[in-house]
Amino acid sequence: MIEFPNHSRSYDRTRRAVRFWGYDSAIEASFFINEGALKRLQPGASYDEAGFLCAFDSNRDVICAAAAKVYSRGSRGSYDLVAANF
């Protein structure tokens, strides 16, 4: 089962997404939630790095629940969350 105890996150300008990490026992998994998904979750957020990080922080529980669902569909190196996941 995937857990998200690490509250670290960062904005990846290249991928236009916020990156965060989950852990399944000793296995670390990288997750990316793109700008479109963050805009869906928090339409009033500013469309810059600070705004996207704030939107992530404000919706962390919902994002982690969606990430757990995506993770349960199969093992990969990284996982992308898009607006359709919400």
PDB file of N, CA and C in Angstrom:
ATOM      1  N   MET A   1       0.845  -1.182   0.000  1.00  0.00           N
ATOM      2  CA  MET A   1       0.000   0.000   0.000  1.00  0.00           C
ATOM      3  C   MET A   1       0.889   1.242   0.000  1.00  0.00           C
ATOM      4  N   ILE A   2       0.563   2.181  -0.837  1.00  0.00           N
ATOM      5  CA  ILE A   2       1.347   3.411  -0.963  1.00  0.00           C
ATOM      6  C   ILE A   2       0.951   4.400   0.131  1.00  0.00           C
ATOM      7  N   GLU A   3       1.947   5.070   0.684  1.00  0.00           N
ATOM      8  CA  GLU A   3       1.724   6.113   1.689  1.00  0.00           C
ATOM      9  C   GLU A   3       2.489   7.349   1.279  1.00  0.00           C
ATOM     10  N   PHE A   4       2.087   8.482   1.823  1.00  0.00           N
ATOM     11  CA  PHE A   4       2.691   9.764   1.462  1.00  0.00           C
ATOM     12  C   PHE A   4       3.141  10.517   2.714  1.00  0.00           C
ATOM     13  N   PRO A   5       4.112   9.971   3.464  1.00  0.00           N
ATOM     14  CA  PRO A   5       4.547  10.618   4.699  1.00  0.00           C
ATOM     15  C   PRO A   5       5.448  11.831   4.461  1.00  0.00           C
ATOM     16  N   ASN A   6       6.073  11.894   3.308  1.00  0.00           N
ATOM     17  CA  ASN A   6       6.997  12.973   2.981  1.00  0.00           C
ATOM     18  C   ASN A   6       6.204  14.138   2.392  1.00  0.00           C
ATOM     19  N   HIS A   7       6.207  15.257   3.065  1.00  0.00           N
ATOM     20  CA  HIS A   7       5.437  16.401   2.588  1.00  0.00           C
ATOM     21  C   HIS A   7       6.221  17.294   1.630  1.00  0.00           C
ATOM     22  N   SER A   8       7.413  16.847   1.242  1.00  0.00           N
ATOM     23  CA  SER A   8       8.195  17.599   0.262  1.00  0.00           C
ATOM     24  C   SER A   8       7.491  17.561  -1.076  1.00  0.00           C
ATOM     25  N   ARG A   9       7.591  18.649  -1.794  1.00  0.00           N
ATOM     26  CA  ARG A   9       7.080  18.747  -3.153  1.00  0.00           C
ATOM     27  C   ARG A   9       7.853  19.835  -3.840  1.00  0.00           C
ATOM     28  N   SER A  10       7.912  19.800  -5.140  1.00  0.00           N
ATOM     29  CA  SER A  10       8.621  20.829  -5.889  1.00  0.00           C
ATOM     30  C   SER A  10       7.918  21.042  -7.216  1.00  0.00           C
ATOM     31  N   TYR A  11       8.120  22.228  -7.764  1.00  0.00           N
ATOM     32  CA  TYR A  11       7.531  22.539  -9.062  1.00  0.00           C
ATOM     33  C   TYR A  11       8.562  22.229 -10.140  1.00  0.00           C
ATOM     34  N   ASP A  12       8.183  21.455 -11.120  1.00  0.00           N
ATOM     35  CA  ASP A  12       9.046  21.082 -12.234  1.00  0.00           C
ATOM     36  C   ASP A  12       8.609  21.900 -13.452  1.00  0.00           C
ATOM     37  N   ARG A  13       9.394  22.921 -13.784  1.00  0.00           N
ATOM     38  CA  ARG A  13       9.033  23.817 -14.895  1.00  0.00           C
ATOM     39  C   ARG A  13       9.005  23.079 -16.235  1.00  0.00           C
ATOM     40  N   THR A  14       9.898  22.126 -16.402  1.00  0.00           N
ATOM     41  CA  THR A  14       9.967  21.389 -17.665  1.00  0.00           C
ATOM     42  C   THR A  14       8.687  20.590 -17.900  1.00  0.00           C
ATOM     43  N   ARG A  15       8.211  19.917 -16.860  1.00  0.00           N
ATOM     44  CA  ARG A  15       6.999  19.096 -16.985  1.00  0.00           C
ATOM     45  C   ARG A  15       5.726  19.891 -16.709  1.00  0.00           C
ATOM     46  N   ARG A  16       5.880  21.130 -16.226  1.00  0.00           N
ATOM     47  CA  ARG A  16       4.744  21.985 -15.848  1.00  0.00           C
ATOM     48  C   ARG A  16       3.841  21.221 -14.882  1.00  0.00           C
ATOM     49  N   ALA A  17       4.487  20.739 -13.804  1.00  0.00           N
ATOM     50  CA  ALA A  17       3.798  19.896 -12.836  1.00  0.00           C
ATOM     51  C   ALA A  17       4.468  20.000 -11.472  1.00  0.00           C
ATOM     52  N   VAL A  18       3.722  19.658 -10.438  1.00  0.00           N
ATOM     53  CA  VAL A  18       4.281  19.553  -9.101  1.00  0.00           C
ATOM     54  C   VAL A  18       4.668  18.093  -8.888  1.00  0.00           C
ATOM     55  N   ARG A  19       5.883  17.901  -8.423  1.00  0.00           N
ATOM     56  CA  ARG A  19       6.394  16.551  -8.162  1.00  0.00           C
ATOM     57  C   ARG A  19       6.318  16.270  -6.669  1.00  0.00           C
ATOM     58  N   PHE A  20       5.898  15.040  -6.329  1.00  0.00           N
ATOM     59  CA  PHE A  20       5.877  14.604  -4.942  1.00  0.00           C
ATOM     60  C   PHE A  20       6.146  13.117  -4.906  1.00  0.00           C
ATOM     61  N   TRP A  21       6.345  12.559  -3.724  1.00  0.00           N
ATOM     62  CA  TRP A  21       6.790  11.185  -3.597  1.00  0.00           C
ATOM     63  C   TRP A  21       5.892  10.384  -2.673  1.00  0.00           C
ATOM     64  N   GLY A  22       5.762   9.113  -2.999  1.00  0.00           N
ATOM     65  CA  GLY A  22       5.053   8.165  -2.162  1.00  0.00           C
ATOM     66  C   GLY A  22       5.947   6.976  -1.890  1.00  0.00           C
ATOM     67  N   TYR A  23       5.591   6.194  -0.870  1.00  0.00           N
ATOM     68  CA  TYR A  23       6.415   5.051  -0.472  1.00  0.00           C
ATOM     69  C   TYR A  23       5.551   3.820  -0.262  1.00  0.00           C
ATOM     70  N   ASP A  24       5.980   2.738  -0.875  1.00  0.00           N
ATOM     71  CA  ASP A  24       5.365   1.428  -0.707  1.00  0.00           C
ATOM     72  C   ASP A  24       6.446   0.563  -0.080  1.00  0.00           C
ATOM     73  N   SER A  25       6.416   0.438   1.234  1.00  0.00           N
ATOM     74  CA  SER A  25       7.507  -0.187   2.002  1.00  0.00           C
ATOM     75  C   SER A  25       8.782   0.590   1.706  1.00  0.00           C
ATOM     76  N   ALA A  26       9.788  -0.057   1.155  1.00  0.00           N
ATOM     77  CA  ALA A  26      11.057   0.619   0.881  1.00  0.00           C
ATOM     78  C   ALA A  26      11.128   1.191  -0.532  1.00  0.00           C
ATOM     79  N   ILE A  27      10.087   1.028  -1.313  1.00  0.00           N
ATOM     80  CA  ILE A  27      10.075   1.496  -2.700  1.00  0.00           C
ATOM     81  C   ILE A  27       9.544   2.924  -2.767  1.00  0.00           C
ATOM     82  N   GLU A  28      10.340   3.808  -3.365  1.00  0.00           N
ATOM     83  CA  GLU A  28       9.929   5.197  -3.557  1.00  0.00           C
ATOM     84  C   GLU A  28       9.334   5.349  -4.955  1.00  0.00           C
ATOM     85  N   ALA A  29       8.218   6.043  -5.038  1.00  0.00           N
ATOM     86  CA  ALA A  29       7.575   6.302  -6.328  1.00  0.00           C
ATOM     87  C   ALA A  29       7.421   7.805  -6.511  1.00  0.00           C
ATOM     88  N   SER A  30       7.728   8.293  -7.700  1.00  0.00           N
ATOM     89  CA  SER A  30       7.574   9.709  -8.028  1.00  0.00           C
ATOM     90  C   SER A  30       6.221   9.943  -8.682  1.00  0.00           C
ATOM     91  N   PHE A  31       5.586  11.015  -8.286  1.00  0.00           N
ATOM     92  CA  PHE A  31       4.293  11.412  -8.843  1.00  0.00           C
ATOM     93  C   PHE A  31       4.394  12.835  -9.352  1.00  0.00           C
ATOM     94  N   PHE A  32       3.657  13.105 -10.429  1.00  0.00           N
ATOM     95  CA  PHE A  32       3.572  14.448 -10.987  1.00  0.00           C
ATOM     96  C   PHE A  32       2.103  14.780 -11.174  1.00  0.00           C
ATOM     97  N   ILE A  33       1.688  15.951 -10.680  1.00  0.00           N
ATOM     98  CA  ILE A  33       0.340  16.429 -10.945  1.00  0.00           C
ATOM     99  C   ILE A  33       0.491  17.663 -11.819  1.00  0.00           C
ATOM    100  N   ASN A  34      -0.111  17.616 -13.000  1.00  0.00           N
ATOM    101  CA  ASN A  34       0.121  18.702 -13.948  1.00  0.00           C
ATOM    102  C   ASN A  34      -0.708  19.942 -13.620  1.00  0.00           C
ATOM    103  N   GLU A  35      -0.369  21.026 -14.297  1.00  0.00           N
ATOM    104  CA  GLU A  35      -1.032  22.307 -14.045  1.00  0.00           C
ATOM    105  C   GLU A  35      -2.531  22.236 -14.282  1.00  0.00           C
ATOM    106  N   GLY A  36      -2.951  21.508 -15.295  1.00  0.00           N
ATOM    107  CA  GLY A  36      -4.376  21.392 -15.597  1.00  0.00           C
ATOM    108  C   GLY A  36      -5.159  20.781 -14.445  1.00  0.00           C
ATOM    109  N   ALA A  37      -4.586  19.764 -13.836  1.00  0.00           N
ATOM    110  CA  ALA A  37      -5.246  19.130 -12.693  1.00  0.00           C
ATOM    111  C   ALA A  37      -5.299  20.085 -11.502  1.00  0.00           C
ATOM    112  N   LEU A  38      -4.223  20.813 -11.276  1.00  0.00           N
ATOM    113  CA  LEU A  38      -4.210  21.772 -10.167  1.00  0.00           C
ATOM    114  C   LEU A  38      -5.208  22.907 -10.402  1.00  0.00           C
ATOM    115  N   LYS A  39      -5.337  23.336 -11.647  1.00  0.00           N
ATOM    116  CA  LYS A  39      -6.319  24.378 -11.983  1.00  0.00           C
ATOM    117  C   LYS A  39      -7.741  23.870 -11.751  1.00  0.00           C
ATOM    118  N   ARG A  40      -7.978  22.596 -12.035  1.00  0.00           N
ATOM    119  CA  ARG A  40      -9.302  22.018 -11.798  1.00  0.00           C
ATOM    120  C   ARG A  40      -9.602  21.974 -10.297  1.00  0.00           C
ATOM    121  N   LEU A  41      -8.604  21.607  -9.507  1.00  0.00           N
ATOM    122  CA  LEU A  41      -8.798  21.499  -8.068  1.00  0.00           C
ATOM    123  C   LEU A  41      -8.949  22.858  -7.387  1.00  0.00           C
ATOM    124  N   GLN A  42      -8.242  23.858  -7.898  1.00  0.00           N
ATOM    125  CA  GLN A  42      -8.280  25.187  -7.294  1.00  0.00           C
ATOM    126  C   GLN A  42      -8.267  26.247  -8.389  1.00  0.00           C
ATOM    127  N   PRO A  43      -9.439  26.500  -8.984  1.00  0.00           N
ATOM    128  CA  PRO A  43      -9.517  27.417 -10.125  1.00  0.00           C
ATOM    129  C   PRO A  43      -9.021  28.836  -9.835  1.00  0.00           C
ATOM    130  N   GLY A  44      -9.098  29.283  -8.615  1.00  0.00           N
ATOM    131  CA  GLY A  44      -8.702  30.651  -8.290  1.00  0.00           C
ATOM    132  C   GLY A  44      -7.225  30.830  -8.011  1.00  0.00           C
ATOM    133  N   ALA A  45      -6.442  29.770  -8.079  1.00  0.00           N
ATOM    134  CA  ALA A  45      -5.013  29.866  -7.779  1.00  0.00           C
ATOM    135  C   ALA A  45      -4.299  30.667  -8.866  1.00  0.00           C
ATOM    136  N   SER A  46      -3.227  31.327  -8.460  1.00  0.00           N
ATOM    137  CA  SER A  46      -2.429  32.041  -9.460  1.00  0.00           C
ATOM    138  C   SER A  46      -1.669  31.018 -10.296  1.00  0.00           C
ATOM    139  N   TYR A  47      -1.479  31.323 -11.551  1.00  0.00           N
ATOM    140  CA  TYR A  47      -0.862  30.385 -12.480  1.00  0.00           C
ATOM    141  C   TYR A  47       0.643  30.616 -12.557  1.00  0.00           C
ATOM    142  N   ASP A  48       1.297  30.448 -11.412  1.00  0.00           N
ATOM    143  CA  ASP A  48       2.747  30.525 -11.326  1.00  0.00           C
ATOM    144  C   ASP A  48       3.215  29.478 -10.319  1.00  0.00           C
ATOM    145  N   GLU A  49       4.518  29.347 -10.145  1.00  0.00           N
ATOM    146  CA  GLU A  49       5.052  28.311  -9.268  1.00  0.00           C
ATOM    147  C   GLU A  49       4.454  28.381  -7.864  1.00  0.00           C
ATOM    148  N   ALA A  50       4.425  29.551  -7.281  1.00  0.00           N
ATOM    149  CA  ALA A  50       3.887  29.694  -5.919  1.00  0.00           C
ATOM    150  C   ALA A  50       2.413  29.306  -5.868  1.00  0.00           C
ATOM    151  N   GLY A  51       1.656  29.694  -6.873  1.00  0.00           N
ATOM    152  CA  GLY A  51       0.232  29.364  -6.915  1.00  0.00           C
ATOM    153  C   GLY A  51      -0.015  27.874  -7.046  1.00  0.00           C
ATOM    154  N   PHE A  52       0.771  27.205  -7.883  1.00  0.00           N
ATOM    155  CA  PHE A  52       0.602  25.763  -8.062  1.00  0.00           C
ATOM    156  C   PHE A  52       1.009  24.993  -6.803  1.00  0.00           C
ATOM    157  N   LEU A  53       2.076  25.435  -6.146  1.00  0.00           N
ATOM    158  CA  LEU A  53       2.474  24.780  -4.899  1.00  0.00           C
ATOM    159  C   LEU A  53       1.425  24.989  -3.811  1.00  0.00           C
ATOM    160  N   CYS A  54       0.849  26.172  -3.764  1.00  0.00           N
ATOM    161  CA  CYS A  54      -0.218  26.460  -2.799  1.00  0.00           C
ATOM    162  C   CYS A  54      -1.448  25.598  -3.098  1.00  0.00           C
ATOM    163  N   ALA A  55      -1.802  25.466  -4.360  1.00  0.00           N
ATOM    164  CA  ALA A  55      -2.940  24.624  -4.747  1.00  0.00           C
ATOM    165  C   ALA A  55      -2.676  23.178  -4.351  1.00  0.00           C
ATOM    166  N   PHE A  56      -1.443  22.718  -4.526  1.00  0.00           N
ATOM    167  CA  PHE A  56      -1.094  21.368  -4.111  1.00  0.00           C
ATOM    168  C   PHE A  56      -1.271  21.210  -2.603  1.00  0.00           C
ATOM    169  N   ASP A  57      -0.705  22.141  -1.851  1.00  0.00           N
ATOM    170  CA  ASP A  57      -0.779  22.055  -0.389  1.00  0.00           C
ATOM    171  C   ASP A  57      -2.225  22.081   0.109  1.00  0.00           C
ATOM    172  N   SER A  58      -3.053  22.890  -0.514  1.00  0.00           N
ATOM    173  CA  SER A  58      -4.453  23.019  -0.094  1.00  0.00           C
ATOM    174  C   SER A  58      -5.280  21.780  -0.416  1.00  0.00           C
ATOM    175  N   ASN A  59      -4.820  20.993  -1.366  1.00  0.00           N
ATOM    176  CA  ASN A  59      -5.578  19.819  -1.825  1.00  0.00           C
ATOM    177  C   ASN A  59      -4.801  18.518  -1.663  1.00  0.00           C
ATOM    178  N   ARG A  60      -3.832  18.513  -0.775  1.00  0.00           N
ATOM    179  CA  ARG A  60      -2.933  17.368  -0.608  1.00  0.00           C
ATOM    180  C   ARG A  60      -3.685  16.052  -0.383  1.00  0.00           C
ATOM    181  N   ASP A  61      -4.691  16.037   0.484  1.00  0.00           N
ATOM    182  CA  ASP A  61      -5.407  14.790   0.782  1.00  0.00           C
ATOM    183  C   ASP A  61      -6.102  14.225  -0.459  1.00  0.00           C
ATOM    184  N   VAL A  62      -6.751  15.091  -1.228  1.00  0.00           N
ATOM    185  CA  VAL A  62      -7.442  14.663  -2.450  1.00  0.00           C
ATOM    186  C   VAL A  62      -6.426  14.174  -3.478  1.00  0.00           C
ATOM    187  N   ILE A  63      -5.314  14.875  -3.594  1.00  0.00           N
ATOM    188  CA  ILE A  63      -4.272  14.506  -4.553  1.00  0.00           C
ATOM    189  C   ILE A  63      -3.655  13.160  -4.181  1.00  0.00           C
ATOM    190  N   CYS A  64      -3.359  12.966  -2.901  1.00  0.00           N
ATOM    191  CA  CYS A  64      -2.760  11.695  -2.470  1.00  0.00           C
ATOM    192  C   CYS A  64      -3.729  10.532  -2.664  1.00  0.00           C
ATOM    193  N   ALA A  65      -5.019  10.759  -2.450  1.00  0.00           N
ATOM    194  CA  ALA A  65      -6.011   9.702  -2.683  1.00  0.00           C
ATOM    195  C   ALA A  65      -6.047   9.328  -4.160  1.00  0.00           C
ATOM    196  N   ALA A  66      -6.011  10.317  -5.043  1.00  0.00           N
ATOM    197  CA  ALA A  66      -5.995  10.042  -6.487  1.00  0.00           C
ATOM    198  C   ALA A  66      -4.690   9.357  -6.883  1.00  0.00           C
ATOM    199  N   ALA A  67      -3.582   9.768  -6.286  1.00  0.00           N
ATOM    200  CA  ALA A  67      -2.291   9.149  -6.583  1.00  0.00           C
ATOM    201  C   ALA A  67      -2.290   7.681  -6.171  1.00  0.00           C
ATOM    202  N   ALA A  68      -2.903   7.363  -5.047  1.00  0.00           N
ATOM    203  CA  ALA A  68      -2.977   5.969  -4.589  1.00  0.00           C
ATOM    204  C   ALA A  68      -3.773   5.127  -5.582  1.00  0.00           C
ATOM    205  N   LYS A  69      -4.841   5.686  -6.143  1.00  0.00           N
ATOM    206  CA  LYS A  69      -5.625   4.955  -7.140  1.00  0.00           C
ATOM    207  C   LYS A  69      -4.802   4.706  -8.400  1.00  0.00           C
ATOM    208  N   VAL A  70      -4.094   5.722  -8.863  1.00  0.00           N
ATOM    209  CA  VAL A  70      -3.256   5.569 -10.055  1.00  0.00           C
ATOM    210  C   VAL A  70      -2.159   4.542  -9.787  1.00  0.00           C
ATOM    211  N   TYR A  71      -1.569   4.578  -8.612  1.00  0.00           N
ATOM    212  CA  TYR A  71      -0.508   3.643  -8.253  1.00  0.00           C
ATOM    213  C   TYR A  71      -1.010   2.205  -8.236  1.00  0.00           C
ATOM    214  N   SER A  72      -2.218   2.010  -7.771  1.00  0.00           N
ATOM    215  CA  SER A  72      -2.750   0.649  -7.647  1.00  0.00           C
ATOM    216  C   SER A  72      -2.996  -0.019  -9.003  1.00  0.00           C
ATOM    217  N   ARG A  73      -2.979   0.753 -10.082  1.00  0.00           N
ATOM    218  CA  ARG A  73      -3.232   0.196 -11.419  1.00  0.00           C
ATOM    219  C   ARG A  73      -2.008  -0.483 -12.028  1.00  0.00           C
ATOM    220  N   GLY A  74      -0.851  -0.315 -11.414  1.00  0.00           N
ATOM    221  CA  GLY A  74       0.332  -0.977 -11.945  1.00  0.00           C
ATOM    222  C   GLY A  74       1.599  -0.236 -11.601  1.00  0.00           C
ATOM    223  N   SER A  75       2.666  -0.975 -11.502  1.00  0.00           N
ATOM    224  CA  SER A  75       3.951  -0.426 -11.093  1.00  0.00           C
ATOM    225  C   SER A  75       4.684   0.203 -12.272  1.00  0.00           C
ATOM    226  N   ARG A  76       5.142   1.421 -12.076  1.00  0.00           N
ATOM    227  CA  ARG A  76       5.937   2.153 -13.069  1.00  0.00           C
ATOM    228  C   ARG A  76       6.983   2.961 -12.320  1.00  0.00           C
ATOM    229  N   GLY A  77       7.839   3.610 -13.040  1.00  0.00           N
ATOM    230  CA  GLY A  77       8.862   4.450 -12.421  1.00  0.00           C
ATOM    231  C   GLY A  77       8.296   5.743 -11.878  1.00  0.00           C
ATOM    232  N   SER A  78       7.338   6.327 -12.614  1.00  0.00           N
ATOM    233  CA  SER A  78       6.695   7.554 -12.146  1.00  0.00           C
ATOM    234  C   SER A  78       5.233   7.543 -12.603  1.00  0.00           C
ATOM    235  N   TYR A  79       4.456   8.375 -11.980  1.00  0.00           N
ATOM    236  CA  TYR A  79       3.011   8.397 -12.209  1.00  0.00           C
ATOM    237  C   TYR A  79       2.571   9.834 -12.452  1.00  0.00           C
ATOM    238  N   ASP A  80       1.713  10.006 -13.467  1.00  0.00           N
ATOM    239  CA  ASP A  80       1.211  11.325 -13.812  1.00  0.00           C
ATOM    240  C   ASP A  80      -0.268  11.439 -13.445  1.00  0.00           C
ATOM    241  N   LEU A  81      -0.603  12.525 -12.773  1.00  0.00           N
ATOM    242  CA  LEU A  81      -1.990  12.835 -12.464  1.00  0.00           C
ATOM    243  C   LEU A  81      -2.407  13.996 -13.352  1.00  0.00           C
ATOM    244  N   VAL A  82      -3.551  13.845 -13.998  1.00  0.00           N
ATOM    245  CA  VAL A  82      -4.082  14.858 -14.895  1.00  0.00           C
ATOM    246  C   VAL A  82      -5.493  15.235 -14.438  1.00  0.00           C
ATOM    247  N   ALA A  83      -6.073  16.223 -15.067  1.00  0.00           N
ATOM    248  CA  ALA A  83      -7.399  16.702 -14.657  1.00  0.00           C
ATOM    249  C   ALA A  83      -8.436  15.584 -14.619  1.00  0.00           C
ATOM    250  N   ALA A  84      -8.343  14.629 -15.528  1.00  0.00           N
ATOM    251  CA  ALA A  84      -9.318  13.526 -15.571  1.00  0.00           C
ATOM    252  C   ALA A  84      -9.286  12.649 -14.317  1.00  0.00           C
ATOM    253  N   ASN A  85      -8.215  12.720 -13.547  1.00  0.00           N
ATOM    254  CA  ASN A  85      -8.114  11.946 -12.318  1.00  0.00           C
ATOM    255  C   ASN A  85      -8.930  12.562 -11.180  1.00  0.00           C
ATOM    256  N   PHE A  86      -9.527  13.756 -11.418  1.00  0.00           N
ATOM    257  CA  PHE A  86     -10.234  14.453 -10.336  1.00  0.00           C
ATOM    258  C   PHE A  86     -11.661  14.757 -10.719  1.00  0.00           C
TER     259      PHE A  86
END
